[in-house]
N, C-alpha and C. Protein backbone atom coordinates (compact mmCIF):
# COMPACT_ATOMS: atom_id res chain seq x y z
N MET A 1 0.82 3.28 -27.34
CA MET A 1 0.49 2.17 -28.20
C MET A 1 -0.63 2.61 -29.13
N THR A 2 -0.45 2.37 -30.42
CA THR A 2 -1.46 2.77 -31.38
C THR A 2 -2.51 1.68 -31.51
N GLN A 3 -3.72 2.11 -31.74
CA GLN A 3 -4.84 1.18 -31.86
C GLN A 3 -4.99 0.80 -33.33
N VAL A 4 -5.09 -0.49 -33.61
CA VAL A 4 -5.25 -0.99 -34.97
C VAL A 4 -6.74 -0.95 -35.30
N PRO A 5 -7.13 -0.39 -36.46
CA PRO A 5 -8.55 -0.35 -36.83
C PRO A 5 -9.14 -1.75 -36.87
N ALA A 6 -10.42 -1.87 -36.53
CA ALA A 6 -11.09 -3.16 -36.41
C ALA A 6 -10.98 -4.04 -37.66
N PRO A 7 -11.19 -3.51 -38.88
CA PRO A 7 -11.09 -4.40 -40.06
C PRO A 7 -9.68 -4.94 -40.29
N LEU A 8 -8.65 -4.23 -39.79
CA LEU A 8 -7.28 -4.67 -40.00
C LEU A 8 -6.74 -5.55 -38.89
N ARG A 9 -7.50 -5.68 -37.79
CA ARG A 9 -7.05 -6.51 -36.68
C ARG A 9 -7.07 -7.98 -37.08
N PRO A 10 -6.03 -8.71 -36.71
CA PRO A 10 -6.05 -10.14 -37.00
C PRO A 10 -7.10 -10.84 -36.14
N ARG A 11 -7.69 -11.89 -36.65
CA ARG A 11 -8.68 -12.67 -35.90
C ARG A 11 -7.93 -13.74 -35.12
N PHE A 12 -8.27 -13.85 -33.86
CA PHE A 12 -7.63 -14.83 -32.99
C PHE A 12 -8.63 -15.90 -32.63
N ASP A 13 -8.13 -17.11 -32.37
CA ASP A 13 -8.99 -18.21 -31.94
C ASP A 13 -9.27 -18.04 -30.44
N THR A 14 -10.47 -17.60 -30.12
CA THR A 14 -10.84 -17.35 -28.72
C THR A 14 -11.93 -18.31 -28.24
N ARG A 15 -12.13 -19.41 -28.95
CA ARG A 15 -13.14 -20.39 -28.53
C ARG A 15 -12.73 -21.04 -27.21
N GLY A 16 -13.62 -21.05 -26.24
CA GLY A 16 -13.37 -21.70 -24.96
C GLY A 16 -12.37 -21.00 -24.07
N VAL A 17 -12.05 -19.77 -24.39
CA VAL A 17 -11.02 -19.06 -23.64
C VAL A 17 -11.48 -18.73 -22.22
N LEU A 18 -12.75 -18.39 -22.04
CA LEU A 18 -13.22 -18.00 -20.71
C LEU A 18 -13.11 -19.15 -19.71
N THR A 19 -13.49 -20.34 -20.11
CA THR A 19 -13.36 -21.50 -19.23
C THR A 19 -11.90 -21.79 -18.94
N GLY A 20 -11.07 -21.73 -19.97
CA GLY A 20 -9.64 -21.95 -19.80
C GLY A 20 -9.01 -20.92 -18.87
N ARG A 21 -9.45 -19.67 -19.00
CA ARG A 21 -8.90 -18.63 -18.13
C ARG A 21 -9.25 -18.88 -16.67
N PHE A 22 -10.45 -19.36 -16.41
CA PHE A 22 -10.86 -19.65 -15.04
C PHE A 22 -9.96 -20.71 -14.42
N PHE A 23 -9.77 -21.82 -15.13
CA PHE A 23 -8.94 -22.89 -14.58
C PHE A 23 -7.46 -22.51 -14.54
N ALA A 24 -7.03 -21.71 -15.50
CA ALA A 24 -5.64 -21.23 -15.48
C ALA A 24 -5.41 -20.35 -14.26
N TYR A 25 -6.40 -19.53 -13.92
CA TYR A 25 -6.25 -18.67 -12.74
C TYR A 25 -6.19 -19.51 -11.47
N LEU A 26 -6.95 -20.60 -11.40
CA LEU A 26 -6.87 -21.47 -10.22
C LEU A 26 -5.46 -22.04 -10.06
N VAL A 27 -4.86 -22.48 -11.15
CA VAL A 27 -3.49 -22.99 -11.12
C VAL A 27 -2.53 -21.88 -10.70
N ASP A 28 -2.70 -20.70 -11.31
CA ASP A 28 -1.81 -19.58 -11.01
C ASP A 28 -1.99 -19.10 -9.56
N ALA A 29 -3.20 -19.16 -9.04
CA ALA A 29 -3.43 -18.75 -7.65
C ALA A 29 -2.64 -19.64 -6.69
N VAL A 30 -2.59 -20.93 -6.98
CA VAL A 30 -1.81 -21.84 -6.14
C VAL A 30 -0.32 -21.51 -6.25
N ILE A 31 0.15 -21.26 -7.46
CA ILE A 31 1.56 -20.92 -7.66
C ILE A 31 1.90 -19.60 -6.96
N ILE A 32 1.04 -18.60 -7.10
CA ILE A 32 1.27 -17.31 -6.46
C ILE A 32 1.28 -17.46 -4.94
N PHE A 33 0.39 -18.28 -4.42
CA PHE A 33 0.34 -18.54 -2.98
C PHE A 33 1.66 -19.16 -2.51
N MET A 34 2.14 -20.17 -3.24
CA MET A 34 3.39 -20.81 -2.85
C MET A 34 4.58 -19.85 -2.96
N LEU A 35 4.59 -19.02 -4.00
CA LEU A 35 5.67 -18.02 -4.14
C LEU A 35 5.63 -17.01 -2.99
N THR A 36 4.43 -16.59 -2.61
CA THR A 36 4.29 -15.63 -1.53
C THR A 36 4.78 -16.22 -0.21
N ILE A 37 4.44 -17.48 0.05
CA ILE A 37 4.90 -18.15 1.27
C ILE A 37 6.43 -18.25 1.26
N ALA A 38 7.00 -18.68 0.13
CA ALA A 38 8.45 -18.83 0.05
C ALA A 38 9.16 -17.49 0.23
N LEU A 39 8.65 -16.45 -0.44
CA LEU A 39 9.26 -15.12 -0.30
C LEU A 39 9.08 -14.59 1.12
N GLY A 40 7.97 -14.92 1.75
CA GLY A 40 7.75 -14.51 3.14
C GLY A 40 8.78 -15.12 4.07
N TRP A 41 9.09 -16.39 3.86
CA TRP A 41 10.12 -17.04 4.67
C TRP A 41 11.49 -16.43 4.43
N VAL A 42 11.79 -16.11 3.17
CA VAL A 42 13.08 -15.48 2.85
C VAL A 42 13.19 -14.13 3.54
N ILE A 43 12.12 -13.34 3.46
CA ILE A 43 12.14 -12.02 4.11
C ILE A 43 12.25 -12.17 5.63
N ALA A 44 11.55 -13.15 6.20
CA ALA A 44 11.61 -13.37 7.65
C ALA A 44 13.02 -13.73 8.08
N LEU A 45 13.67 -14.63 7.32
CA LEU A 45 15.03 -15.01 7.67
C LEU A 45 16.02 -13.87 7.45
N LEU A 46 15.83 -13.12 6.38
CA LEU A 46 16.68 -11.94 6.16
C LEU A 46 16.48 -10.91 7.27
N GLY A 47 15.27 -10.82 7.77
CA GLY A 47 14.99 -9.89 8.86
C GLY A 47 15.75 -10.24 10.12
N ILE A 48 15.91 -11.53 10.36
CA ILE A 48 16.69 -11.95 11.53
C ILE A 48 18.16 -11.56 11.34
N VAL A 49 18.67 -11.79 10.14
CA VAL A 49 20.08 -11.48 9.85
C VAL A 49 20.33 -9.98 9.87
N THR A 50 19.36 -9.19 9.39
CA THR A 50 19.55 -7.74 9.30
C THR A 50 18.95 -6.99 10.49
N PHE A 51 18.69 -7.71 11.56
CA PHE A 51 18.13 -7.11 12.78
C PHE A 51 16.82 -6.37 12.52
N GLY A 52 15.99 -6.94 11.67
CA GLY A 52 14.65 -6.41 11.43
C GLY A 52 14.51 -5.48 10.25
N VAL A 53 15.60 -5.05 9.66
CA VAL A 53 15.50 -4.11 8.54
C VAL A 53 14.80 -4.74 7.34
N ALA A 54 15.10 -5.99 7.03
CA ALA A 54 14.50 -6.64 5.87
C ALA A 54 13.00 -6.86 6.05
N TRP A 55 12.51 -6.80 7.27
CA TRP A 55 11.07 -6.98 7.49
C TRP A 55 10.26 -5.85 6.88
N LEU A 56 10.92 -4.76 6.55
CA LEU A 56 10.24 -3.66 5.85
C LEU A 56 9.81 -4.08 4.43
N LEU A 57 10.33 -5.21 3.96
CA LEU A 57 9.97 -5.72 2.63
C LEU A 57 8.66 -6.51 2.62
N PHE A 58 8.10 -6.82 3.79
CA PHE A 58 6.86 -7.61 3.84
C PHE A 58 5.72 -7.01 3.03
N PRO A 59 5.52 -5.69 3.00
CA PRO A 59 4.42 -5.16 2.17
C PRO A 59 4.58 -5.45 0.68
N LEU A 60 5.80 -5.70 0.23
CA LEU A 60 6.00 -6.02 -1.18
C LEU A 60 5.38 -7.35 -1.57
N LEU A 61 5.10 -8.21 -0.59
CA LEU A 61 4.49 -9.50 -0.89
C LEU A 61 3.10 -9.33 -1.50
N ALA A 62 2.45 -8.20 -1.25
CA ALA A 62 1.13 -7.95 -1.83
C ALA A 62 1.20 -7.88 -3.35
N GLY A 63 2.34 -7.55 -3.91
CA GLY A 63 2.50 -7.44 -5.35
C GLY A 63 3.02 -8.69 -6.02
N THR A 64 3.07 -9.80 -5.31
CA THR A 64 3.62 -11.03 -5.88
C THR A 64 2.85 -11.46 -7.13
N GLY A 65 1.54 -11.38 -7.10
CA GLY A 65 0.73 -11.77 -8.25
C GLY A 65 0.97 -10.90 -9.46
N VAL A 66 1.12 -9.61 -9.24
CA VAL A 66 1.37 -8.68 -10.35
C VAL A 66 2.74 -8.94 -10.95
N ILE A 67 3.74 -9.13 -10.10
CA ILE A 67 5.09 -9.40 -10.60
C ILE A 67 5.13 -10.74 -11.35
N TYR A 68 4.47 -11.75 -10.79
CA TYR A 68 4.38 -13.06 -11.44
C TYR A 68 3.76 -12.93 -12.83
N SER A 69 2.65 -12.22 -12.92
CA SER A 69 1.97 -12.04 -14.22
C SER A 69 2.82 -11.23 -15.19
N ALA A 70 3.45 -10.18 -14.68
CA ALA A 70 4.26 -9.33 -15.56
C ALA A 70 5.43 -10.10 -16.15
N ILE A 71 6.07 -10.92 -15.32
CA ILE A 71 7.22 -11.69 -15.81
C ILE A 71 6.79 -12.79 -16.77
N THR A 72 5.71 -13.50 -16.46
CA THR A 72 5.31 -14.63 -17.30
C THR A 72 4.58 -14.18 -18.56
N VAL A 73 3.62 -13.27 -18.42
CA VAL A 73 2.88 -12.80 -19.60
C VAL A 73 3.76 -11.90 -20.46
N GLY A 74 4.61 -11.10 -19.82
CA GLY A 74 5.52 -10.25 -20.57
C GLY A 74 6.74 -10.99 -21.10
N GLY A 75 6.87 -12.25 -20.75
CA GLY A 75 8.02 -13.04 -21.19
C GLY A 75 7.82 -13.67 -22.54
N GLU A 76 8.74 -14.55 -22.87
CA GLU A 76 8.73 -15.17 -24.18
C GLU A 76 7.52 -16.08 -24.42
N ALA A 77 7.03 -16.75 -23.38
CA ALA A 77 5.90 -17.66 -23.53
C ALA A 77 4.57 -16.93 -23.69
N GLN A 78 4.50 -15.66 -23.30
CA GLN A 78 3.30 -14.84 -23.39
C GLN A 78 2.15 -15.40 -22.57
N ALA A 79 2.44 -16.12 -21.51
CA ALA A 79 1.38 -16.73 -20.72
C ALA A 79 1.91 -17.09 -19.34
N THR A 80 1.00 -17.11 -18.38
CA THR A 80 1.37 -17.61 -17.06
C THR A 80 1.49 -19.13 -17.16
N ILE A 81 1.96 -19.74 -16.10
CA ILE A 81 2.11 -21.20 -16.12
C ILE A 81 0.76 -21.88 -16.30
N GLY A 82 -0.25 -21.38 -15.60
CA GLY A 82 -1.61 -21.94 -15.76
C GLY A 82 -2.12 -21.78 -17.18
N MET A 83 -1.87 -20.64 -17.78
CA MET A 83 -2.30 -20.43 -19.17
C MET A 83 -1.59 -21.38 -20.12
N ARG A 84 -0.30 -21.59 -19.89
CA ARG A 84 0.45 -22.51 -20.74
C ARG A 84 -0.12 -23.92 -20.66
N TRP A 85 -0.45 -24.35 -19.44
CA TRP A 85 -1.01 -25.70 -19.26
C TRP A 85 -2.33 -25.86 -20.00
N LEU A 86 -3.08 -24.78 -20.11
CA LEU A 86 -4.39 -24.85 -20.76
C LEU A 86 -4.37 -24.35 -22.20
N GLY A 87 -3.19 -24.11 -22.74
CA GLY A 87 -3.06 -23.75 -24.14
C GLY A 87 -3.51 -22.34 -24.48
N LEU A 88 -3.28 -21.39 -23.58
CA LEU A 88 -3.65 -20.00 -23.81
C LEU A 88 -2.40 -19.13 -23.88
N ARG A 89 -2.53 -17.98 -24.51
CA ARG A 89 -1.46 -17.00 -24.50
C ARG A 89 -2.07 -15.61 -24.66
N VAL A 90 -1.31 -14.59 -24.30
CA VAL A 90 -1.76 -13.21 -24.36
C VAL A 90 -1.02 -12.51 -25.48
N VAL A 91 -1.78 -11.84 -26.36
CA VAL A 91 -1.17 -11.12 -27.48
C VAL A 91 -1.66 -9.68 -27.50
N GLY A 92 -0.87 -8.81 -28.11
CA GLY A 92 -1.24 -7.42 -28.29
C GLY A 92 -2.22 -7.29 -29.43
N PRO A 93 -2.62 -6.05 -29.76
CA PRO A 93 -3.64 -5.85 -30.79
C PRO A 93 -3.23 -6.35 -32.17
N ASP A 94 -1.96 -6.36 -32.47
CA ASP A 94 -1.49 -6.82 -33.77
C ASP A 94 -0.93 -8.24 -33.72
N GLY A 95 -1.13 -8.92 -32.61
CA GLY A 95 -0.63 -10.28 -32.45
C GLY A 95 0.78 -10.34 -31.89
N ALA A 96 1.36 -9.18 -31.62
CA ALA A 96 2.73 -9.12 -31.12
C ALA A 96 2.77 -9.46 -29.63
N ARG A 97 3.97 -9.69 -29.16
CA ARG A 97 4.19 -10.00 -27.75
C ARG A 97 3.86 -8.80 -26.88
N VAL A 98 3.30 -9.05 -25.71
CA VAL A 98 2.97 -8.00 -24.76
C VAL A 98 4.22 -7.73 -23.92
N ASP A 99 4.54 -6.46 -23.70
CA ASP A 99 5.72 -6.14 -22.91
C ASP A 99 5.43 -6.21 -21.41
N PHE A 100 6.48 -6.09 -20.62
CA PHE A 100 6.42 -6.23 -19.17
C PHE A 100 5.45 -5.23 -18.55
N LEU A 101 5.48 -3.99 -18.98
CA LEU A 101 4.64 -2.94 -18.40
C LEU A 101 3.16 -3.19 -18.69
N ILE A 102 2.82 -3.51 -19.92
CA ILE A 102 1.42 -3.80 -20.27
C ILE A 102 0.94 -5.02 -19.50
N ALA A 103 1.77 -6.04 -19.37
CA ALA A 103 1.40 -7.24 -18.61
C ALA A 103 1.14 -6.89 -17.15
N ALA A 104 1.95 -6.01 -16.58
CA ALA A 104 1.77 -5.61 -15.18
C ALA A 104 0.48 -4.81 -15.01
N VAL A 105 0.21 -3.87 -15.90
CA VAL A 105 -1.03 -3.08 -15.83
C VAL A 105 -2.24 -3.99 -16.02
N HIS A 106 -2.14 -4.94 -16.94
CA HIS A 106 -3.21 -5.92 -17.16
C HIS A 106 -3.50 -6.69 -15.88
N ALA A 107 -2.47 -7.12 -15.19
CA ALA A 107 -2.64 -7.85 -13.93
C ALA A 107 -3.23 -6.95 -12.84
N ILE A 108 -2.78 -5.70 -12.77
CA ILE A 108 -3.32 -4.77 -11.77
C ILE A 108 -4.81 -4.55 -12.01
N PHE A 109 -5.20 -4.33 -13.26
CA PHE A 109 -6.63 -4.16 -13.57
C PHE A 109 -7.42 -5.41 -13.20
N PHE A 110 -6.85 -6.60 -13.47
CA PHE A 110 -7.53 -7.84 -13.12
C PHE A 110 -7.73 -7.95 -11.61
N TYR A 111 -6.68 -7.66 -10.83
CA TYR A 111 -6.79 -7.80 -9.38
C TYR A 111 -7.72 -6.74 -8.79
N ILE A 112 -7.79 -5.57 -9.38
CA ILE A 112 -8.76 -4.56 -8.94
C ILE A 112 -10.17 -5.07 -9.22
N ALA A 113 -10.38 -5.63 -10.41
CA ALA A 113 -11.71 -6.14 -10.77
C ALA A 113 -12.12 -7.31 -9.89
N ILE A 114 -11.21 -8.23 -9.67
CA ILE A 114 -11.57 -9.41 -8.89
C ILE A 114 -11.75 -9.07 -7.40
N GLY A 115 -11.20 -7.94 -6.99
CA GLY A 115 -11.33 -7.52 -5.60
C GLY A 115 -12.64 -6.81 -5.29
N THR A 116 -13.38 -6.42 -6.32
CA THR A 116 -14.66 -5.76 -6.11
C THR A 116 -15.73 -6.50 -6.90
N CYS A 117 -16.82 -6.79 -6.27
CA CYS A 117 -17.87 -7.59 -6.89
C CYS A 117 -18.43 -6.93 -8.14
N ILE A 118 -18.74 -5.65 -8.06
CA ILE A 118 -19.37 -4.96 -9.19
C ILE A 118 -18.44 -4.92 -10.40
N LEU A 119 -17.17 -4.59 -10.17
CA LEU A 119 -16.23 -4.55 -11.29
C LEU A 119 -15.98 -5.94 -11.87
N PHE A 120 -15.96 -6.96 -11.03
CA PHE A 120 -15.75 -8.31 -11.54
C PHE A 120 -16.93 -8.76 -12.38
N VAL A 121 -18.14 -8.47 -11.93
CA VAL A 121 -19.33 -8.81 -12.72
C VAL A 121 -19.30 -8.07 -14.06
N LEU A 122 -18.94 -6.79 -14.03
CA LEU A 122 -18.83 -6.02 -15.26
C LEU A 122 -17.74 -6.59 -16.17
N ASP A 123 -16.64 -7.05 -15.59
CA ASP A 123 -15.54 -7.66 -16.33
C ASP A 123 -16.01 -8.92 -17.05
N VAL A 124 -16.72 -9.76 -16.33
CA VAL A 124 -17.21 -11.02 -16.92
C VAL A 124 -18.32 -10.75 -17.93
N LEU A 125 -19.24 -9.85 -17.62
CA LEU A 125 -20.31 -9.53 -18.56
C LEU A 125 -19.76 -8.97 -19.87
N THR A 126 -18.71 -8.19 -19.78
CA THR A 126 -18.07 -7.67 -20.99
C THR A 126 -17.62 -8.83 -21.88
N ALA A 127 -17.02 -9.83 -21.27
CA ALA A 127 -16.54 -10.99 -22.04
C ALA A 127 -17.69 -11.78 -22.63
N LEU A 128 -18.79 -11.90 -21.90
CA LEU A 128 -19.92 -12.67 -22.40
C LEU A 128 -20.63 -11.97 -23.55
N VAL A 129 -20.59 -10.64 -23.58
CA VAL A 129 -21.25 -9.88 -24.63
C VAL A 129 -20.40 -9.80 -25.90
N ARG A 130 -19.10 -9.71 -25.73
CA ARG A 130 -18.21 -9.55 -26.88
C ARG A 130 -18.01 -10.87 -27.62
N ASP A 131 -17.92 -10.81 -28.94
CA ASP A 131 -17.70 -12.04 -29.70
C ASP A 131 -16.27 -12.54 -29.60
N ASP A 132 -15.31 -11.66 -29.24
CA ASP A 132 -13.92 -12.09 -29.11
C ASP A 132 -13.59 -12.53 -27.67
N ARG A 133 -14.58 -12.51 -26.79
CA ARG A 133 -14.45 -12.97 -25.39
C ARG A 133 -13.39 -12.21 -24.59
N ARG A 134 -13.13 -10.97 -24.96
CA ARG A 134 -12.19 -10.15 -24.20
C ARG A 134 -12.90 -9.57 -22.99
N MET A 135 -12.26 -9.69 -21.84
CA MET A 135 -12.80 -9.11 -20.62
C MET A 135 -12.49 -7.62 -20.60
N LEU A 136 -13.12 -6.88 -19.68
CA LEU A 136 -12.95 -5.44 -19.63
C LEU A 136 -11.49 -5.05 -19.41
N HIS A 137 -10.78 -5.78 -18.54
CA HIS A 137 -9.38 -5.42 -18.32
C HIS A 137 -8.51 -5.75 -19.54
N ASP A 138 -8.95 -6.66 -20.39
CA ASP A 138 -8.27 -6.92 -21.66
C ASP A 138 -8.46 -5.74 -22.61
N VAL A 139 -9.70 -5.28 -22.69
CA VAL A 139 -10.03 -4.16 -23.59
C VAL A 139 -9.26 -2.91 -23.16
N LEU A 140 -9.22 -2.66 -21.86
CA LEU A 140 -8.54 -1.45 -21.35
C LEU A 140 -7.05 -1.46 -21.63
N THR A 141 -6.44 -2.64 -21.65
CA THR A 141 -5.00 -2.72 -21.91
C THR A 141 -4.67 -3.08 -23.35
N GLY A 142 -5.69 -3.39 -24.15
CA GLY A 142 -5.46 -3.67 -25.56
C GLY A 142 -4.90 -5.05 -25.86
N VAL A 143 -5.15 -6.01 -25.00
CA VAL A 143 -4.63 -7.37 -25.22
C VAL A 143 -5.77 -8.33 -25.49
N THR A 144 -5.42 -9.49 -26.01
CA THR A 144 -6.38 -10.55 -26.26
C THR A 144 -5.79 -11.86 -25.75
N VAL A 145 -6.60 -12.62 -25.02
CA VAL A 145 -6.19 -13.97 -24.62
C VAL A 145 -6.73 -14.91 -25.67
N THR A 146 -5.83 -15.68 -26.24
CA THR A 146 -6.18 -16.55 -27.36
C THR A 146 -5.61 -17.95 -27.16
N ARG A 147 -6.07 -18.85 -27.97
CA ARG A 147 -5.51 -20.21 -27.98
C ARG A 147 -4.11 -20.15 -28.58
N SER A 148 -3.20 -20.92 -28.01
CA SER A 148 -1.83 -20.89 -28.54
C SER A 148 -1.63 -21.95 -29.61
């Protein structure tokens, strides 16, 4: 992915994005939790039918959040369900749609940051210092969360 020079980058409306992202994540966390429970039941029942073979799929449940984000952010709406409810969307450096792979890497970086205190503080501080309110995992993947 090529980087667009700063003067040529489009300006996005990022007012209030940090607060919206927090509440959107709370909504998404509930959805991810429910999806994980439902998929867990499906795997458990498949395990009974397959004499335990399907139970080898249980470790894949750890990636439910990444898959959820990749499908929703990389999809046509450019946002998770929580982001849509709060009027946010994710765009690439030129305002284009983010693809599935970039959305997945963005989610992986987010979950790594939120899983460690120091990286999460650095992630949030990056957003507070920048005028475009992009968090560190946004900068690393080249995306911007903006008002839709």
